[in-house]
């Protein structure tokens, strides 16, 4: 007798039969398993490698003096004159070494560098976790063509979930309205598949990492 069943009907019949058969879940604890292998102890090296792989620029500084010296040299090379810094902790460091900066948003449309802190550094993918929970707000890390971040080794965490845990512990129920990750300079290749840096934000991003 000729079988008039179409290939589609045969396939659907197999699927229905499979759905009717009850089988034990071969991976009962899948949701609780880690997504990645354990992170290495040297998170600073891991972050630096991942961050530079996405065109970020990284510098490790042993102390504030080395940080200021490196910043001065970089600013002289790039001829930066309008560096904006709104966070009191950063202003204190720059003022201590008499480094000039703009502490208000006067002539902000002419800003060359936005200088901020961060919430955490995500070592796994070289990302910077930012929020608007501090004086830098939303604008300072987005508008200027260059974004400089000062971070400390104590802010290094393995994965994104660890970064969110840091924010939850810091702010409690008052989570900032803007929490974002920055992975390298802003970029797009939407137009004729040509990579353009600085498309929607800074075209250069620096991380200065200090012990602490």
N, C-alpha and C. Protein backbone atom coordinates (compact mmCIF):
# COMPACT_ATOMS: atom_id res chain seq x y z
N UNK A 1 0.85 -1.20 0.00
CA UNK A 1 0.00 0.00 0.00
C UNK A 1 0.88 1.24 0.00
N UNK A 2 0.51 2.18 -0.82
CA UNK A 2 1.32 3.38 -0.98
C UNK A 2 1.12 4.35 0.20
N UNK A 3 2.21 4.85 0.71
CA UNK A 3 2.16 5.82 1.80
C UNK A 3 2.10 7.23 1.21
N UNK A 4 0.94 7.90 1.45
CA UNK A 4 0.75 9.24 0.91
C UNK A 4 1.15 10.34 1.91
N UNK A 5 1.75 9.93 3.00
CA UNK A 5 2.15 10.93 4.00
C UNK A 5 3.31 11.77 3.48
N UNK A 6 3.18 13.05 3.59
CA UNK A 6 4.23 13.95 3.11
C UNK A 6 5.39 13.98 4.10
N UNK A 7 6.59 14.37 3.64
CA UNK A 7 7.74 14.48 4.57
C UNK A 7 7.45 15.42 5.74
N UNK A 8 6.70 16.48 5.50
CA UNK A 8 6.37 17.41 6.58
C UNK A 8 5.51 16.73 7.63
N UNK A 9 4.53 15.96 7.20
CA UNK A 9 3.65 15.26 8.14
C UNK A 9 4.42 14.22 8.94
N UNK A 10 5.35 13.52 8.28
CA UNK A 10 6.17 12.53 8.98
C UNK A 10 7.01 13.19 10.07
N UNK A 11 7.57 14.34 9.73
CA UNK A 11 8.39 15.06 10.70
C UNK A 11 7.56 15.52 11.90
N UNK A 12 6.37 16.06 11.62
CA UNK A 12 5.51 16.52 12.71
C UNK A 12 5.05 15.35 13.58
N UNK A 13 4.83 14.19 12.98
CA UNK A 13 4.44 13.01 13.74
C UNK A 13 5.54 12.59 14.70
N UNK A 14 6.80 12.64 14.22
CA UNK A 14 7.93 12.30 15.08
C UNK A 14 8.06 13.29 16.25
N UNK A 15 7.81 14.56 15.94
CA UNK A 15 7.90 15.58 16.99
C UNK A 15 6.82 15.35 18.05
N UNK A 16 5.59 15.04 17.61
CA UNK A 16 4.50 14.79 18.55
C UNK A 16 4.80 13.57 19.42
N UNK A 17 5.35 12.54 18.83
CA UNK A 17 5.69 11.35 19.60
C UNK A 17 6.77 11.65 20.63
N UNK A 18 7.75 12.45 20.21
CA UNK A 18 8.83 12.80 21.14
C UNK A 18 8.31 13.62 22.31
N UNK A 19 7.33 14.49 22.03
CA UNK A 19 6.77 15.31 23.10
C UNK A 19 5.95 14.49 24.09
N UNK A 20 5.38 13.41 23.61
CA UNK A 20 4.57 12.56 24.49
C UNK A 20 5.43 11.69 25.40
N UNK A 21 6.65 11.41 25.00
CA UNK A 21 7.53 10.57 25.81
C UNK A 21 8.18 11.40 26.91
N UNK A 22 8.04 11.01 28.14
CA UNK A 22 8.63 11.71 29.27
C UNK A 22 10.02 11.17 29.55
N UNK A 23 10.98 12.06 29.59
CA UNK A 23 12.36 11.67 29.87
C UNK A 23 12.92 12.55 30.98
N UNK A 24 13.86 11.99 31.68
CA UNK A 24 14.52 12.77 32.73
C UNK A 24 15.38 13.86 32.11
N UNK A 25 15.43 14.99 32.77
CA UNK A 25 16.25 16.10 32.30
C UNK A 25 17.73 15.71 32.43
N UNK A 26 18.46 15.65 31.32
CA UNK A 26 19.87 15.24 31.40
C UNK A 26 20.76 16.30 32.05
N UNK A 27 20.26 17.53 32.15
CA UNK A 27 21.04 18.62 32.75
C UNK A 27 20.20 19.34 33.80
N UNK A 28 19.93 18.67 34.92
CA UNK A 28 19.02 19.27 35.92
C UNK A 28 19.55 20.55 36.57
N UNK A 29 20.87 20.71 36.64
CA UNK A 29 21.44 21.88 37.31
C UNK A 29 22.06 22.87 36.33
N UNK A 30 21.59 22.84 35.10
CA UNK A 30 22.22 23.66 34.06
C UNK A 30 22.18 25.15 34.40
N UNK A 31 21.04 25.63 34.92
CA UNK A 31 20.90 27.05 35.19
C UNK A 31 21.82 27.52 36.31
N UNK A 32 22.22 26.62 37.16
CA UNK A 32 23.08 26.99 38.29
C UNK A 32 24.57 26.83 37.99
N UNK A 33 24.87 26.26 36.82
CA UNK A 33 26.27 26.05 36.48
C UNK A 33 26.91 27.36 36.01
N UNK A 34 28.19 27.57 36.29
CA UNK A 34 28.86 28.80 35.82
C UNK A 34 28.95 28.81 34.30
N UNK A 35 28.83 30.00 33.72
CA UNK A 35 28.88 30.15 32.27
C UNK A 35 30.32 30.12 31.76
N UNK A 36 31.27 30.46 32.61
CA UNK A 36 32.66 30.57 32.20
C UNK A 36 33.54 29.76 33.15
N UNK A 37 34.74 29.42 32.72
CA UNK A 37 35.70 28.79 33.64
C UNK A 37 36.10 29.80 34.71
N UNK A 38 36.63 29.33 35.83
CA UNK A 38 37.02 30.26 36.91
C UNK A 38 37.98 31.33 36.42
N UNK A 39 37.79 32.54 36.91
CA UNK A 39 38.66 33.64 36.52
C UNK A 39 40.02 33.49 37.18
N UNK A 40 41.09 33.92 36.52
CA UNK A 40 42.43 33.84 37.13
C UNK A 40 42.56 34.84 38.28
N UNK A 41 43.59 34.67 39.08
CA UNK A 41 43.80 35.57 40.20
C UNK A 41 44.22 36.97 39.73
N UNK A 42 44.99 37.05 38.67
CA UNK A 42 45.46 38.35 38.18
C UNK A 42 44.41 38.98 37.26
N UNK A 43 43.36 39.51 37.89
CA UNK A 43 42.28 40.13 37.13
C UNK A 43 42.74 41.38 36.39
N UNK A 44 43.75 42.06 36.92
CA UNK A 44 44.24 43.26 36.25
C UNK A 44 44.80 42.93 34.87
N UNK A 45 45.55 41.84 34.78
CA UNK A 45 46.11 41.42 33.49
C UNK A 45 45.00 41.00 32.53
N UNK A 46 44.03 40.27 33.05
CA UNK A 46 42.92 39.81 32.23
C UNK A 46 42.14 41.01 31.69
N UNK A 47 41.85 41.98 32.55
CA UNK A 47 41.12 43.17 32.10
C UNK A 47 41.92 43.93 31.05
N UNK A 48 43.21 44.14 31.30
CA UNK A 48 44.05 44.91 30.38
C UNK A 48 44.06 44.27 28.99
N UNK A 49 44.21 42.94 28.93
CA UNK A 49 44.26 42.25 27.65
C UNK A 49 42.93 42.39 26.89
N UNK A 50 41.82 42.19 27.61
CA UNK A 50 40.51 42.27 26.95
C UNK A 50 40.18 43.71 26.56
N UNK A 51 40.55 44.66 27.40
CA UNK A 51 40.26 46.07 27.14
C UNK A 51 41.04 46.57 25.93
N UNK A 52 42.31 46.23 25.85
CA UNK A 52 43.12 46.67 24.72
C UNK A 52 42.73 45.95 23.44
N UNK A 53 42.15 44.76 23.55
CA UNK A 53 41.71 44.02 22.36
C UNK A 53 40.55 44.71 21.66
N UNK A 54 39.84 45.60 22.39
CA UNK A 54 38.72 46.33 21.77
C UNK A 54 39.08 47.81 21.60
N UNK A 55 40.40 48.06 21.45
CA UNK A 55 40.92 49.41 21.15
C UNK A 55 40.90 50.36 22.34
N UNK A 56 40.75 49.83 23.55
CA UNK A 56 40.91 50.66 24.74
C UNK A 56 42.38 50.87 25.03
N UNK A 57 42.71 51.94 25.74
CA UNK A 57 44.10 52.24 26.08
C UNK A 57 44.25 52.18 27.60
N UNK A 58 45.23 51.41 28.03
CA UNK A 58 45.34 51.04 29.44
C UNK A 58 46.72 51.41 29.99
N UNK A 59 46.73 51.89 31.24
CA UNK A 59 47.99 52.18 31.91
C UNK A 59 47.87 51.81 33.38
N UNK A 60 48.81 51.02 33.86
CA UNK A 60 48.84 50.67 35.28
C UNK A 60 49.81 51.63 35.98
N UNK A 61 49.36 52.25 37.06
CA UNK A 61 50.17 53.22 37.79
C UNK A 61 50.33 52.74 39.24
N UNK A 62 51.56 52.77 39.73
CA UNK A 62 51.82 52.30 41.08
C UNK A 62 51.28 53.27 42.14
N UNK A 63 51.24 54.56 41.81
CA UNK A 63 50.75 55.55 42.78
C UNK A 63 50.23 56.77 42.04
N UNK A 64 49.75 57.74 42.80
CA UNK A 64 49.17 58.94 42.20
C UNK A 64 50.21 59.76 41.43
N UNK A 65 51.44 59.78 41.92
CA UNK A 65 52.49 60.55 41.26
C UNK A 65 52.72 60.02 39.85
N UNK A 66 52.82 58.71 39.72
CA UNK A 66 53.00 58.12 38.39
C UNK A 66 51.79 58.37 37.51
N UNK A 67 50.61 58.34 38.10
CA UNK A 67 49.40 58.63 37.35
C UNK A 67 49.43 60.06 36.80
N UNK A 68 49.75 61.04 37.65
CA UNK A 68 49.79 62.44 37.22
C UNK A 68 50.87 62.64 36.16
N UNK A 69 52.01 62.03 36.33
CA UNK A 69 53.09 62.16 35.34
C UNK A 69 52.66 61.60 33.99
N UNK A 70 52.00 60.45 34.02
CA UNK A 70 51.53 59.84 32.77
C UNK A 70 50.46 60.70 32.13
N UNK A 71 49.55 61.23 32.93
CA UNK A 71 48.48 62.08 32.42
C UNK A 71 49.05 63.37 31.82
N UNK A 72 50.04 63.96 32.49
CA UNK A 72 50.67 65.17 31.97
C UNK A 72 51.33 64.93 30.62
N UNK A 73 52.05 63.83 30.54
CA UNK A 73 52.74 63.49 29.28
C UNK A 73 51.74 63.26 28.16
N UNK A 74 50.65 62.56 28.48
CA UNK A 74 49.63 62.28 27.48
C UNK A 74 48.94 63.56 27.03
N UNK A 75 48.60 64.44 27.98
CA UNK A 75 47.93 65.70 27.65
C UNK A 75 48.82 66.60 26.80
N UNK A 76 50.12 66.56 27.07
CA UNK A 76 51.05 67.37 26.28
C UNK A 76 51.16 66.83 24.86
N UNK A 77 51.19 65.50 24.73
CA UNK A 77 51.26 64.90 23.39
C UNK A 77 50.02 65.22 22.58
N UNK A 78 48.86 65.16 23.23
CA UNK A 78 47.59 65.35 22.52
C UNK A 78 47.14 66.82 22.49
N UNK A 79 47.87 67.67 23.21
CA UNK A 79 47.52 69.10 23.28
C UNK A 79 46.12 69.31 23.86
N UNK A 80 45.79 68.56 24.94
CA UNK A 80 44.51 68.72 25.61
C UNK A 80 44.55 69.97 26.48
N UNK A 81 43.53 70.78 26.36
CA UNK A 81 43.42 71.99 27.17
C UNK A 81 42.13 72.04 27.98
N UNK A 82 41.11 71.36 27.52
CA UNK A 82 39.82 71.43 28.19
C UNK A 82 39.44 70.06 28.74
N UNK A 83 39.95 69.79 29.95
CA UNK A 83 39.66 68.54 30.65
C UNK A 83 38.61 68.83 31.72
N UNK A 84 37.49 68.11 31.64
CA UNK A 84 36.38 68.34 32.57
C UNK A 84 36.34 67.23 33.62
N UNK A 85 36.23 67.65 34.87
CA UNK A 85 36.22 66.70 35.99
C UNK A 85 35.24 67.22 37.03
N UNK A 86 34.20 66.43 37.33
CA UNK A 86 33.13 66.90 38.22
C UNK A 86 33.03 66.10 39.51
N UNK A 87 33.78 65.05 39.67
CA UNK A 87 33.67 64.23 40.87
C UNK A 87 34.66 64.71 41.94
N UNK A 88 34.19 65.00 43.14
CA UNK A 88 35.05 65.56 44.18
C UNK A 88 36.31 64.74 44.46
N UNK A 89 36.22 63.43 44.46
CA UNK A 89 37.39 62.60 44.75
C UNK A 89 38.47 62.79 43.69
N UNK A 90 38.07 62.91 42.44
CA UNK A 90 39.02 63.15 41.36
C UNK A 90 39.55 64.58 41.40
N UNK A 91 38.67 65.52 41.69
CA UNK A 91 39.09 66.92 41.78
C UNK A 91 40.15 67.09 42.86
N UNK A 92 39.99 66.36 43.95
CA UNK A 92 40.96 66.44 45.05
C UNK A 92 42.34 65.98 44.60
N UNK A 93 42.39 64.89 43.84
CA UNK A 93 43.68 64.37 43.36
C UNK A 93 44.33 65.37 42.40
N UNK A 94 43.56 65.87 41.44
CA UNK A 94 44.11 66.80 40.46
C UNK A 94 44.54 68.11 41.12
N UNK A 95 43.76 68.59 42.07
CA UNK A 95 44.11 69.83 42.76
C UNK A 95 45.36 69.66 43.61
N UNK A 96 45.54 68.49 44.18
CA UNK A 96 46.71 68.23 45.02
C UNK A 96 48.00 68.40 44.23
N UNK A 97 47.95 68.08 42.94
CA UNK A 97 49.14 68.20 42.09
C UNK A 97 49.03 69.39 41.14
N UNK A 98 48.06 70.28 41.43
CA UNK A 98 47.86 71.52 40.67
C UNK A 98 47.67 71.25 39.18
N UNK A 99 46.92 70.20 38.89
CA UNK A 99 46.62 69.89 37.49
C UNK A 99 45.34 70.63 37.11
N UNK A 100 45.36 71.43 36.03
CA UNK A 100 44.19 72.25 35.68
C UNK A 100 43.03 71.42 35.11
N UNK A 101 41.81 71.81 35.48
CA UNK A 101 40.62 71.13 34.96
C UNK A 101 39.43 72.06 35.11
N UNK A 102 38.35 71.73 34.41
CA UNK A 102 37.09 72.47 34.50
C UNK A 102 36.18 71.73 35.47
N UNK A 103 35.76 72.42 36.54
CA UNK A 103 34.92 71.77 37.54
C UNK A 103 33.44 72.07 37.37
N UNK A 104 33.09 72.89 36.36
CA UNK A 104 31.69 73.14 36.03
C UNK A 104 31.48 72.78 34.55
N UNK A 105 30.25 72.97 34.08
CA UNK A 105 29.98 72.65 32.67
C UNK A 105 30.06 73.89 31.78
N UNK A 106 30.80 74.90 32.22
CA UNK A 106 30.99 76.10 31.40
C UNK A 106 31.71 75.73 30.09
N UNK A 107 31.16 76.19 28.98
CA UNK A 107 31.71 75.89 27.64
C UNK A 107 31.86 74.38 27.42
N UNK A 108 30.91 73.63 27.93
CA UNK A 108 31.01 72.17 27.86
C UNK A 108 31.02 71.66 26.42
N UNK A 109 30.41 72.43 25.51
CA UNK A 109 30.40 72.01 24.11
C UNK A 109 31.80 71.97 23.51
N UNK A 110 32.77 72.58 24.19
CA UNK A 110 34.15 72.58 23.71
C UNK A 110 35.02 71.54 24.45
N UNK A 111 34.40 70.73 25.26
CA UNK A 111 35.14 69.75 26.07
C UNK A 111 35.95 68.81 25.18
N UNK A 112 37.19 68.59 25.57
CA UNK A 112 38.06 67.66 24.85
C UNK A 112 38.17 66.32 25.58
N UNK A 113 38.11 66.36 26.91
CA UNK A 113 38.29 65.16 27.72
C UNK A 113 37.28 65.15 28.86
N UNK A 114 36.62 64.03 29.05
CA UNK A 114 35.78 63.81 30.22
C UNK A 114 36.50 62.84 31.15
N UNK A 115 36.68 63.23 32.40
CA UNK A 115 37.48 62.47 33.36
C UNK A 115 36.58 61.99 34.48
N UNK A 116 36.43 60.66 34.64
CA UNK A 116 35.49 60.13 35.62
C UNK A 116 36.08 58.95 36.39
N UNK A 117 35.37 58.59 37.44
CA UNK A 117 35.59 57.33 38.13
C UNK A 117 34.67 56.28 37.50
N UNK A 118 34.58 55.11 38.09
CA UNK A 118 33.67 54.08 37.60
C UNK A 118 33.16 53.26 38.78
N UNK A 119 32.20 52.42 38.51
CA UNK A 119 31.67 51.55 39.57
C UNK A 119 32.50 50.27 39.70
N UNK A 120 32.94 49.73 38.57
CA UNK A 120 33.73 48.49 38.60
C UNK A 120 34.35 48.28 37.22
N UNK A 121 35.35 47.41 37.20
CA UNK A 121 35.96 46.96 35.95
C UNK A 121 35.66 45.48 35.79
N UNK A 122 35.07 45.11 34.66
CA UNK A 122 34.69 43.71 34.42
C UNK A 122 35.84 43.04 33.66
N UNK A 123 36.58 42.19 34.33
CA UNK A 123 37.79 41.61 33.74
C UNK A 123 37.48 40.68 32.58
N UNK A 124 36.38 39.94 32.65
CA UNK A 124 36.10 38.90 31.67
C UNK A 124 36.03 39.45 30.24
N UNK A 125 35.43 40.64 30.07
CA UNK A 125 35.28 41.18 28.72
C UNK A 125 35.88 42.57 28.57
N UNK A 126 36.67 43.00 29.55
CA UNK A 126 37.32 44.30 29.43
C UNK A 126 36.37 45.47 29.40
N UNK A 127 35.31 45.40 30.20
CA UNK A 127 34.28 46.45 30.20
C UNK A 127 34.39 47.31 31.46
N UNK A 128 33.93 48.55 31.32
CA UNK A 128 33.87 49.49 32.43
C UNK A 128 32.41 49.66 32.82
N UNK A 129 32.11 49.45 34.10
CA UNK A 129 30.75 49.60 34.58
C UNK A 129 30.58 51.01 35.13
N UNK A 130 29.66 51.77 34.52
CA UNK A 130 29.42 53.16 34.89
C UNK A 130 27.98 53.33 35.37
N UNK A 131 27.75 54.41 36.11
CA UNK A 131 26.39 54.79 36.48
C UNK A 131 26.33 56.30 36.62
N UNK A 132 25.12 56.81 36.76
CA UNK A 132 24.96 58.24 37.00
C UNK A 132 24.75 58.52 38.50
N UNK A 133 25.23 57.61 39.33
CA UNK A 133 25.06 57.76 40.76
C UNK A 133 26.07 58.70 41.40
N UNK A 134 26.94 59.29 40.60
CA UNK A 134 27.93 60.22 41.15
C UNK A 134 27.85 61.54 40.41
N UNK A 135 28.77 62.45 40.74
CA UNK A 135 28.70 63.81 40.20
C UNK A 135 28.96 63.88 38.70
N UNK A 136 29.56 62.85 38.11
CA UNK A 136 29.83 62.87 36.67
C UNK A 136 28.55 62.78 35.86
N UNK A 137 27.49 62.22 36.45
CA UNK A 137 26.21 62.13 35.77
C UNK A 137 26.25 61.30 34.50
N UNK A 138 25.43 61.69 33.54
CA UNK A 138 25.33 60.94 32.28
C UNK A 138 26.22 61.51 31.19
N UNK A 139 26.47 62.81 31.21
CA UNK A 139 27.09 63.48 30.07
C UNK A 139 28.59 63.28 29.96
N UNK A 140 29.27 63.27 31.10
CA UNK A 140 30.73 63.40 31.07
C UNK A 140 31.43 62.21 30.43
N UNK A 141 30.83 61.05 30.48
CA UNK A 141 31.44 59.87 29.87
C UNK A 141 31.00 59.65 28.43
N UNK A 142 30.12 60.52 27.93
CA UNK A 142 29.55 60.31 26.60
C UNK A 142 29.91 61.42 25.63
N UNK A 143 29.80 62.69 26.05
CA UNK A 143 29.91 63.80 25.11
C UNK A 143 31.34 64.09 24.64
N UNK A 144 32.33 64.26 25.54
CA UNK A 144 33.68 64.60 25.05
C UNK A 144 34.25 63.49 24.16
N UNK A 145 35.09 63.84 23.20
CA UNK A 145 35.65 62.83 22.30
C UNK A 145 36.63 61.87 22.96
N UNK A 146 37.13 62.25 24.15
CA UNK A 146 38.04 61.38 24.89
C UNK A 146 37.48 61.18 26.29
N UNK A 147 37.46 59.93 26.73
CA UNK A 147 36.99 59.60 28.08
C UNK A 147 38.13 58.94 28.84
N UNK A 148 38.48 59.52 29.99
CA UNK A 148 39.52 58.95 30.86
C UNK A 148 38.87 58.45 32.13
N UNK A 149 39.19 57.23 32.52
CA UNK A 149 38.64 56.62 33.73
C UNK A 149 39.78 56.32 34.69
N UNK A 150 39.62 56.77 35.92
CA UNK A 150 40.55 56.39 36.98
C UNK A 150 39.88 55.30 37.80
N UNK A 151 40.54 54.14 37.89
CA UNK A 151 39.98 53.01 38.63
C UNK A 151 41.05 52.44 39.56
N UNK A 152 40.59 51.61 40.49
CA UNK A 152 41.49 51.01 41.48
C UNK A 152 41.39 49.49 41.40
N UNK A 153 42.48 48.83 41.78
CA UNK A 153 42.52 47.37 41.68
C UNK A 153 41.40 46.72 42.50
N UNK A 154 40.96 47.40 43.56
CA UNK A 154 39.88 46.85 44.39
C UNK A 154 38.55 46.82 43.64
N UNK A 155 38.46 47.54 42.52
CA UNK A 155 37.22 47.58 41.74
C UNK A 155 37.17 46.50 40.66
N UNK A 156 38.22 45.72 40.52
CA UNK A 156 38.23 44.65 39.53
C UNK A 156 37.35 43.49 39.99
N UNK A 157 36.45 43.05 39.12
CA UNK A 157 35.61 41.88 39.40
C UNK A 157 35.65 40.97 38.18
N UNK A 158 35.40 39.67 38.38
CA UNK A 158 35.51 38.74 37.24
C UNK A 158 34.45 38.96 36.17
N UNK A 159 33.18 39.02 36.56
CA UNK A 159 32.09 39.00 35.59
C UNK A 159 31.08 40.10 35.84
N UNK A 160 30.18 40.27 34.88
CA UNK A 160 29.18 41.32 34.96
C UNK A 160 28.28 41.17 36.18
N UNK A 161 27.91 39.94 36.51
CA UNK A 161 27.05 39.72 37.68
C UNK A 161 27.72 40.22 38.95
N UNK A 162 29.04 40.10 39.00
CA UNK A 162 29.77 40.59 40.17
C UNK A 162 29.76 42.12 40.20
N UNK A 163 29.78 42.74 39.03
CA UNK A 163 29.70 44.19 38.97
C UNK A 163 28.35 44.69 39.45
N UNK A 164 27.28 44.01 39.05
CA UNK A 164 25.95 44.41 39.51
C UNK A 164 25.81 44.19 41.02
N UNK A 165 26.47 43.17 41.54
CA UNK A 165 26.44 42.95 42.99
C UNK A 165 27.13 44.11 43.72
N UNK A 166 28.19 44.64 43.13
CA UNK A 166 28.88 45.80 43.71
C UNK A 166 27.94 47.00 43.78
N UNK A 167 27.21 47.23 42.69
CA UNK A 167 26.27 48.35 42.66
C UNK A 167 25.16 48.16 43.67
N UNK A 168 24.64 46.95 43.76
CA UNK A 168 23.56 46.69 44.72
C UNK A 168 24.03 46.90 46.15
N UNK A 169 25.25 46.46 46.43
CA UNK A 169 25.78 46.64 47.78
C UNK A 169 26.03 48.12 48.08
N UNK A 170 26.47 48.87 47.09
CA UNK A 170 26.79 50.28 47.29
C UNK A 170 25.55 51.15 47.44
N UNK A 171 24.53 50.91 46.61
CA UNK A 171 23.37 51.80 46.57
C UNK A 171 22.13 51.24 47.25
N UNK A 172 22.12 49.94 47.55
CA UNK A 172 20.95 49.36 48.19
C UNK A 172 19.73 49.46 47.31
N UNK A 173 18.66 50.00 47.88
CA UNK A 173 17.40 50.13 47.14
C UNK A 173 17.41 51.32 46.20
N UNK A 174 18.38 52.21 46.33
CA UNK A 174 18.43 53.42 45.50
C UNK A 174 19.37 53.22 44.30
N UNK A 175 19.05 52.23 43.48
CA UNK A 175 19.86 51.94 42.31
C UNK A 175 19.82 53.13 41.35
N UNK A 176 20.96 53.56 40.81
CA UNK A 176 20.97 54.68 39.86
C UNK A 176 20.08 54.41 38.65
N UNK A 177 19.54 55.47 38.08
CA UNK A 177 18.63 55.33 36.94
C UNK A 177 19.36 54.94 35.67
N UNK A 178 20.68 55.15 35.63
CA UNK A 178 21.47 54.76 34.46
C UNK A 178 22.66 53.93 34.91
N UNK A 179 22.69 52.69 34.48
CA UNK A 179 23.83 51.80 34.69
C UNK A 179 24.20 51.23 33.34
N UNK A 180 25.46 51.38 32.94
CA UNK A 180 25.85 50.92 31.61
C UNK A 180 27.26 50.35 31.63
N UNK A 181 27.56 49.57 30.63
CA UNK A 181 28.92 49.07 30.46
C UNK A 181 29.51 49.67 29.19
N UNK A 182 30.78 50.01 29.27
CA UNK A 182 31.51 50.56 28.13
C UNK A 182 32.62 49.57 27.78
N UNK A 183 32.60 49.08 26.57
CA UNK A 183 33.61 48.13 26.12
C UNK A 183 34.34 48.73 24.92
N UNK A 184 35.38 49.48 25.20
CA UNK A 184 36.14 50.14 24.15
C UNK A 184 35.47 51.41 23.67
N UNK A 185 36.09 52.11 22.72
CA UNK A 185 35.51 53.33 22.17
C UNK A 185 34.20 53.05 21.45
N UNK A 186 33.37 54.10 21.36
CA UNK A 186 32.14 53.98 20.59
C UNK A 186 32.48 53.70 19.13
N UNK A 187 31.72 52.79 18.51
CA UNK A 187 32.05 52.39 17.13
C UNK A 187 30.80 51.94 16.38
N UNK A 188 30.89 51.98 15.07
CA UNK A 188 29.84 51.43 14.22
C UNK A 188 30.45 51.06 12.88
N UNK A 189 29.88 50.05 12.26
CA UNK A 189 30.28 49.66 10.89
C UNK A 189 29.03 49.55 10.03
N UNK A 190 27.99 50.30 10.40
CA UNK A 190 26.72 50.21 9.69
C UNK A 190 26.80 50.77 8.27
N UNK A 191 27.67 51.76 8.06
CA UNK A 191 27.73 52.41 6.75
C UNK A 191 28.81 51.75 5.90
N UNK A 192 28.39 50.99 4.91
CA UNK A 192 29.29 50.32 3.97
C UNK A 192 30.33 49.46 4.67
N UNK A 193 30.00 48.96 5.85
CA UNK A 193 30.86 48.06 6.62
C UNK A 193 32.23 48.66 6.93
N UNK A 194 32.28 49.98 7.00
CA UNK A 194 33.52 50.68 7.35
C UNK A 194 33.49 51.03 8.83
N UNK A 195 34.46 50.56 9.58
CA UNK A 195 34.48 50.81 11.02
C UNK A 195 34.79 52.28 11.29
N UNK A 196 33.92 52.91 12.06
CA UNK A 196 34.08 54.31 12.45
C UNK A 196 34.08 54.38 13.97
N UNK A 197 35.14 54.97 14.54
CA UNK A 197 35.22 55.15 15.98
C UNK A 197 34.64 56.51 16.35
N UNK A 198 34.01 56.58 17.52
CA UNK A 198 33.42 57.82 17.98
C UNK A 198 32.06 58.10 17.37
N UNK A 199 31.37 57.06 16.94
CA UNK A 199 30.09 57.25 16.25
C UNK A 199 29.01 57.78 17.19
N UNK A 200 28.92 57.23 18.37
CA UNK A 200 27.85 57.59 19.31
C UNK A 200 28.40 58.04 20.65
N UNK A 201 29.68 58.27 20.74
CA UNK A 201 30.31 58.66 22.00
C UNK A 201 31.80 58.86 21.78
N UNK A 202 32.60 58.77 22.84
CA UNK A 202 34.05 59.00 22.72
C UNK A 202 34.70 58.07 21.71
N UNK A 203 35.65 58.62 20.96
CA UNK A 203 36.39 57.79 20.01
C UNK A 203 37.67 57.25 20.62
N UNK A 204 38.02 57.72 21.83
CA UNK A 204 39.15 57.18 22.57
C UNK A 204 38.76 57.02 24.03
N UNK A 205 39.21 55.93 24.63
CA UNK A 205 38.94 55.73 26.06
C UNK A 205 40.18 55.17 26.73
N UNK A 206 40.54 55.78 27.85
CA UNK A 206 41.72 55.39 28.61
C UNK A 206 41.29 54.92 29.99
N UNK A 207 41.96 53.90 30.48
CA UNK A 207 41.78 53.47 31.87
C UNK A 207 43.13 53.54 32.56
N UNK A 208 43.21 54.33 33.63
CA UNK A 208 44.38 54.37 34.50
C UNK A 208 44.03 53.56 35.73
N UNK A 209 44.79 52.49 35.96
CA UNK A 209 44.51 51.61 37.09
C UNK A 209 45.53 51.83 38.19
N UNK A 210 45.05 52.15 39.39
CA UNK A 210 45.92 52.39 40.53
C UNK A 210 45.75 51.29 41.57
N UNK A 211 46.80 51.02 42.31
CA UNK A 211 46.68 50.11 43.44
C UNK A 211 45.77 50.72 44.49
N UNK A 212 44.93 49.89 45.08
CA UNK A 212 44.07 50.43 46.14
C UNK A 212 42.70 49.82 46.12
